[in-house]
Amino acid sequence: MAASLFAVSDLHVAYEENRRIAEAIRPESDDDWLIVAGDVGEKFADVEAMLRLLRDRFRRVVWAPGNHELWTHPGDPVRLRGVERYDALVRMCRELGVDTPEDEYPIWPGPDGPVVVAPVFALYDYSFRVAGADTKEESLRLAYDAGVVCTDESLLHPDPYPNRESWCWARVAETEARLAAIDPALPTVLISHWPLVRQPTDVLWYPEFAQWCGTERTADWHTRFRAVTVVYGHLHIPRSTAYDGVPFEEVSLGYPREWKRRAEAPAPVRRILGGSR
């Protein structure tokens, strides 16, 4: 069987039902790769254990962080915050042999030619504001008034940056430079926990939540950097869309209360490239 590049996100293995689904993920062939686009879990040990299991099964695992991995959760004995926590996650992944946004981008040797598989960590900067809000402060006030506030506000610390948007802007600048350095003859698969464009957030039940979902500064990355597919999660709305002719794949599992409402049982991974699509 031809090798495949699969993807999943938002496993949230703190939920026992989700953990059982995640533990059942297996490749179809010995050469399959797996993209994990963030939110494996909130506790450091849970993230490590699940990535270890998946790395033992797949030829290659490529990880990009989500907001939940960056939380300093009150129940987690690992008390690191902000950049220090992210750096510790990267070190852990490297010990497991899992690719991260800080490593050389791997090249998928697909049947249609090589493709650079690029995990990115760009965070968000509140630029996906509530309609009618001109500033971050006004947009946040409207969200608080509506009772729609991301837990990041209390658990995702930007240390040593003064705020999350400053961390985001630093990540965007660093990531843009790395993506621009990719061989221009090679297409890419871009992987981000947060959507690179705002359009996917248009279907949110609570539009106020969009401001925690990305940054306008990545809006042209899928065209500038020759993406054949963009993989993301975070929204817990698994679906396939396209923007500027580029497929966008939201590959999240989500919370049990969400996937149990759907007519079909969750398919935990999606084929992105290779195999028989």
Protein backbone atom coordinates (compact mmCIF):
# COMPACT_ATOMS: atom_id res chain seq x y z
CA MET A 1 0.00 0.00 0.00
CA ALA A 2 1.26 3.48 -0.88
CA ALA A 3 2.33 5.61 2.07
CA SER A 4 0.01 8.32 3.35
CA LEU A 5 0.37 11.61 5.19
CA PHE A 6 -2.39 11.67 7.81
CA ALA A 7 -3.43 14.48 10.15
CA VAL A 8 -5.31 14.98 13.41
CA SER A 9 -5.65 17.69 16.02
CA ASP A 10 -7.43 18.47 19.29
CA LEU A 11 -7.25 14.97 20.71
CA HIS A 12 -7.82 16.35 24.25
CA VAL A 13 -6.79 13.08 25.86
CA ALA A 14 -7.75 14.23 29.36
CA TYR A 15 -11.20 12.93 28.37
CA GLU A 16 -11.25 9.14 28.68
CA GLU A 17 -13.43 8.74 25.57
CA ASN A 18 -10.93 10.77 23.57
CA ARG A 19 -7.98 8.89 24.99
CA ARG A 20 -9.47 5.60 23.81
CA ILE A 21 -9.94 7.02 20.31
CA ALA A 22 -6.39 8.42 20.25
CA GLU A 23 -4.90 5.15 21.47
CA ALA A 24 -6.60 3.37 18.57
CA ILE A 25 -4.90 5.52 15.91
CA ARG A 26 -2.70 3.35 13.71
CA PRO A 27 -1.03 3.71 10.33
CA GLU A 28 -2.13 1.83 7.24
CA SER A 29 1.44 1.15 6.14
CA ASP A 30 4.91 1.12 7.69
CA ASP A 31 5.77 4.36 5.85
CA ASP A 32 2.82 6.52 6.91
CA TRP A 33 3.42 9.92 8.51
CA LEU A 34 1.14 11.65 11.01
CA ILE A 35 0.58 15.38 11.53
CA VAL A 36 -0.59 16.35 15.04
CA ALA A 37 -1.81 19.95 14.87
CA GLY A 38 -1.94 20.76 18.57
CA ASP A 39 -4.09 20.33 21.67
CA VAL A 40 -3.05 16.79 22.48
CA GLY A 41 -3.74 17.70 26.09
CA GLU A 42 -3.18 20.19 28.88
CA LYS A 43 -0.71 18.34 31.09
CA PHE A 44 2.89 17.88 30.01
CA ALA A 45 2.95 14.17 30.86
CA ASP A 46 -0.23 13.47 28.86
CA VAL A 47 1.20 15.20 25.79
CA GLU A 48 4.46 13.28 26.11
CA ALA A 49 2.78 9.90 26.56
CA MET A 50 0.48 10.30 23.56
CA LEU A 51 3.18 11.62 21.23
CA ARG A 52 5.42 8.74 22.31
CA LEU A 53 2.71 6.22 21.47
CA LEU A 54 2.06 7.77 18.06
CA ARG A 55 5.75 8.10 17.25
CA ASP A 56 6.22 4.40 18.00
CA ARG A 57 3.57 3.60 15.38
CA PHE A 58 4.19 6.04 12.54
CA ARG A 59 7.27 6.50 10.39
CA ARG A 60 7.28 10.18 11.23
CA VAL A 61 5.21 12.43 13.49
CA VAL A 62 5.07 16.20 12.92
CA TRP A 63 3.70 18.33 15.76
CA ALA A 64 2.64 21.96 16.04
CA PRO A 65 1.57 23.31 19.44
CA GLY A 66 -1.94 24.30 20.37
CA ASN A 67 -3.07 26.64 23.09
CA HIS A 68 -3.82 23.80 25.54
CA GLU A 69 -0.25 22.49 25.48
CA LEU A 70 0.89 26.02 26.32
CA TRP A 71 -1.38 26.33 29.36
CA THR A 72 0.13 26.32 32.82
CA HIS A 73 -2.67 24.12 34.13
CA PRO A 74 -3.25 24.18 37.91
CA GLY A 75 -3.23 20.37 37.95
CA ASP A 76 0.06 20.03 36.08
CA PRO A 77 3.21 19.54 38.17
CA VAL A 78 5.19 21.13 35.31
CA ARG A 79 4.83 24.78 36.24
CA LEU A 80 6.70 26.32 33.30
CA ARG A 81 5.12 29.33 31.62
CA GLY A 82 5.19 30.93 28.19
CA VAL A 83 8.32 30.53 26.10
CA GLU A 84 9.96 28.29 28.70
CA ARG A 85 7.04 25.88 28.49
CA TYR A 86 7.11 25.86 24.69
CA ASP A 87 10.86 25.27 24.69
CA ALA A 88 10.41 22.34 27.10
CA LEU A 89 7.78 20.83 24.80
CA VAL A 90 10.18 21.15 21.87
CA ARG A 91 12.95 19.42 23.82
CA MET A 92 10.58 16.62 24.79
CA CYS A 93 9.50 16.16 21.17
CA ARG A 94 13.09 16.00 20.00
CA GLU A 95 13.84 13.29 22.56
CA LEU A 96 10.91 11.32 21.12
CA GLY A 97 11.94 11.93 17.50
CA VAL A 98 8.89 14.12 16.80
CA ASP A 99 9.33 17.06 14.41
CA THR A 100 8.47 20.54 15.73
CA PRO A 101 8.28 24.09 14.32
CA GLU A 102 11.87 24.59 15.54
CA ASP A 103 13.35 21.76 13.48
CA GLU A 104 14.34 21.50 9.84
CA TYR A 105 11.14 21.00 7.90
CA PRO A 106 10.84 17.37 6.74
CA ILE A 107 10.17 16.57 3.10
CA TRP A 108 7.34 14.18 2.29
CA PRO A 109 8.49 11.93 -0.59
CA GLY A 110 5.06 11.68 -2.16
CA PRO A 111 4.13 9.94 -5.41
CA ASP A 112 3.58 13.33 -7.09
CA GLY A 113 6.94 14.68 -5.99
CA PRO A 114 8.47 16.02 -2.78
CA VAL A 115 6.47 18.33 -0.50
CA VAL A 116 7.84 20.30 2.45
CA VAL A 117 5.81 19.56 5.59
CA ALA A 118 6.04 22.76 7.65
CA PRO A 119 4.62 22.95 11.18
CA VAL A 120 4.28 26.55 12.31
CA PHE A 121 3.62 28.23 15.64
CA ALA A 122 2.24 31.73 15.11
CA LEU A 123 -0.26 32.07 18.00
CA TYR A 124 -2.86 34.91 17.76
CA ASP A 125 -3.00 38.65 18.29
CA TYR A 126 -6.70 39.53 18.70
CA SER A 127 -6.85 40.91 15.15
CA PHE A 128 -9.88 38.68 14.35
CA ARG A 129 -11.94 41.23 16.24
CA VAL A 130 -15.64 41.27 16.99
CA ALA A 131 -17.58 43.11 14.28
CA GLY A 132 -17.63 46.83 15.02
CA ALA A 133 -14.66 46.74 17.41
CA ASP A 134 -11.72 48.91 16.39
CA THR A 135 -9.27 47.85 19.09
CA LYS A 136 -8.26 44.74 21.00
CA GLU A 137 -9.58 46.29 24.19
CA GLU A 138 -13.01 46.96 22.71
CA SER A 139 -13.19 43.49 21.17
CA LEU A 140 -12.26 41.84 24.48
CA ARG A 141 -14.83 43.94 26.33
CA LEU A 142 -17.56 42.76 23.96
CA ALA A 143 -16.46 39.15 24.49
CA TYR A 144 -16.50 39.52 28.28
CA ASP A 145 -19.91 41.19 28.10
CA ALA A 146 -21.19 38.23 26.06
CA GLY A 147 -19.64 35.72 28.48
CA VAL A 148 -17.44 34.26 25.72
CA VAL A 149 -13.88 34.26 27.04
CA CYS A 150 -11.12 31.82 26.13
CA THR A 151 -9.44 30.08 29.07
CA ASP A 152 -6.14 31.25 27.59
CA GLU A 153 -6.77 34.56 29.34
CA SER A 154 -5.98 32.89 32.66
CA LEU A 155 -3.78 29.91 31.76
CA LEU A 156 -1.73 30.79 28.63
CA HIS A 157 1.05 33.07 29.83
CA PRO A 158 3.23 34.98 27.32
CA ASP A 159 6.36 35.25 29.54
CA PRO A 160 8.77 36.86 28.94
CA TYR A 161 6.70 38.86 26.44
CA PRO A 162 4.41 41.53 27.90
CA ASN A 163 1.33 40.08 26.18
CA ARG A 164 0.23 37.35 23.79
CA GLU A 165 0.16 39.60 20.75
CA SER A 166 3.83 40.50 21.22
CA TRP A 167 4.70 36.81 21.36
CA CYS A 168 2.57 36.26 18.25
CA TRP A 169 4.31 39.01 16.28
CA ALA A 170 7.73 37.63 17.19
CA ARG A 171 6.66 34.15 16.10
CA VAL A 172 5.20 35.46 12.83
CA ALA A 173 8.42 37.29 11.94
CA GLU A 174 10.60 34.29 12.75
CA THR A 175 8.33 31.86 10.92
CA GLU A 176 8.00 34.01 7.81
CA ALA A 177 11.78 34.09 7.48
CA ARG A 178 11.99 30.31 7.73
CA LEU A 179 9.17 29.72 5.24
CA ALA A 180 10.71 32.19 2.80
CA ALA A 181 13.96 30.20 2.93
CA ILE A 182 12.30 27.00 1.62
CA ASP A 183 13.38 26.00 -1.86
CA PRO A 184 10.94 27.92 -4.11
CA ALA A 185 10.67 24.89 -6.37
CA LEU A 186 8.99 22.89 -3.60
CA PRO A 187 5.32 23.02 -2.59
CA THR A 188 4.36 22.89 1.08
CA VAL A 189 1.85 21.51 3.53
CA LEU A 190 1.42 24.23 6.17
CA ILE A 191 0.40 23.07 9.63
CA SER A 192 -0.90 25.42 12.30
CA HIS A 193 -3.14 24.83 15.27
CA TRP A 194 -4.85 28.16 14.59
CA PRO A 195 -6.31 28.81 11.11
CA LEU A 196 -4.03 30.93 8.95
CA VAL A 197 -6.99 32.88 7.53
CA ARG A 198 -10.03 34.31 9.27
CA GLN A 199 -12.73 32.81 7.03
CA PRO A 200 -13.03 29.50 8.93
CA THR A 201 -14.14 31.40 12.03
CA ASP A 202 -17.20 32.76 10.21
CA VAL A 203 -19.14 29.62 11.18
CA LEU A 204 -18.44 29.86 14.93
CA TRP A 205 -21.54 29.72 17.10
CA TYR A 206 -19.99 32.46 19.23
CA PRO A 207 -18.26 34.94 16.88
CA GLU A 208 -16.60 36.66 19.84
CA PHE A 209 -14.29 33.65 20.13
CA ALA A 210 -12.62 34.41 16.78
CA GLN A 211 -10.15 36.81 18.39
CA TRP A 212 -8.41 33.83 20.01
CA CYS A 213 -8.17 32.01 16.67
CA GLY A 214 -5.33 33.53 14.67
CA THR A 215 -3.79 36.65 13.21
CA GLU A 216 -4.34 38.68 10.07
CA ARG A 217 -0.56 38.60 9.56
CA THR A 218 -0.71 35.03 8.20
CA ALA A 219 -3.57 35.67 5.75
CA ASP A 220 -1.47 35.21 2.60
CA TRP A 221 0.87 32.45 3.75
CA HIS A 222 -1.01 29.73 1.89
CA THR A 223 -0.41 31.49 -1.43
CA ARG A 224 3.00 33.06 -0.71
CA PHE A 225 4.49 29.76 0.42
CA ARG A 226 2.97 27.47 -2.23
CA ALA A 227 0.73 25.41 0.00
CA VAL A 228 -0.93 22.39 -1.57
CA THR A 229 -2.88 21.97 1.67
CA VAL A 230 -3.21 23.84 4.96
CA VAL A 231 -3.90 21.73 8.06
CA TYR A 232 -5.34 23.30 11.21
CA GLY A 233 -7.58 22.62 14.21
CA HIS A 234 -8.66 24.65 17.26
CA LEU A 235 -12.21 25.36 16.09
CA HIS A 236 -13.52 21.82 16.71
CA ILE A 237 -15.39 22.05 13.40
CA PRO A 238 -13.83 19.31 11.26
CA ARG A 239 -14.38 20.05 7.58
CA SER A 240 -12.70 20.67 4.23
CA THR A 241 -12.79 24.12 2.61
CA ALA A 242 -10.67 26.03 0.10
CA TYR A 243 -9.42 29.61 -0.05
CA ASP A 244 -7.69 31.00 -3.15
CA GLY A 245 -7.88 27.50 -4.57
CA VAL A 246 -5.89 25.98 -1.68
CA PRO A 247 -7.51 23.17 0.35
CA PHE A 248 -7.82 23.86 4.08
CA GLU A 249 -8.38 20.83 6.31
CA GLU A 250 -9.73 21.29 9.85
CA VAL A 251 -8.81 17.93 11.41
CA SER A 252 -9.86 18.24 15.06
CA LEU A 253 -11.43 15.50 17.13
CA GLY A 254 -12.77 17.95 19.71
CA TYR A 255 -14.56 17.35 23.00
CA PRO A 256 -16.81 14.29 23.52
CA ARG A 257 -19.87 16.51 23.95
CA GLU A 258 -19.20 17.84 20.44
CA TRP A 259 -18.41 14.69 18.46
CA LYS A 260 -21.16 12.68 20.17
CA ARG A 261 -23.75 15.04 18.64
CA ARG A 262 -22.72 14.09 15.11
CA ALA A 263 -24.46 11.41 13.12
CA GLU A 264 -21.29 9.44 12.43
CA ALA A 265 -18.60 8.18 14.79
CA PRO A 266 -15.47 10.35 14.67
CA ALA A 267 -12.80 9.41 12.15
CA PRO A 268 -9.76 10.45 14.18
CA VAL A 269 -7.33 11.00 11.29
CA ARG A 270 -7.68 12.41 7.79
CA ARG A 271 -5.58 11.54 4.76
CA ILE A 272 -3.86 14.67 3.47
CA LEU A 273 -1.54 13.25 0.80
CA GLY A 274 -0.68 9.87 -0.65
CA GLY A 275 -2.47 6.54 -0.45
CA SER A 276 -5.84 6.31 -2.16
CA ARG A 277 -7.67 9.55 -1.36
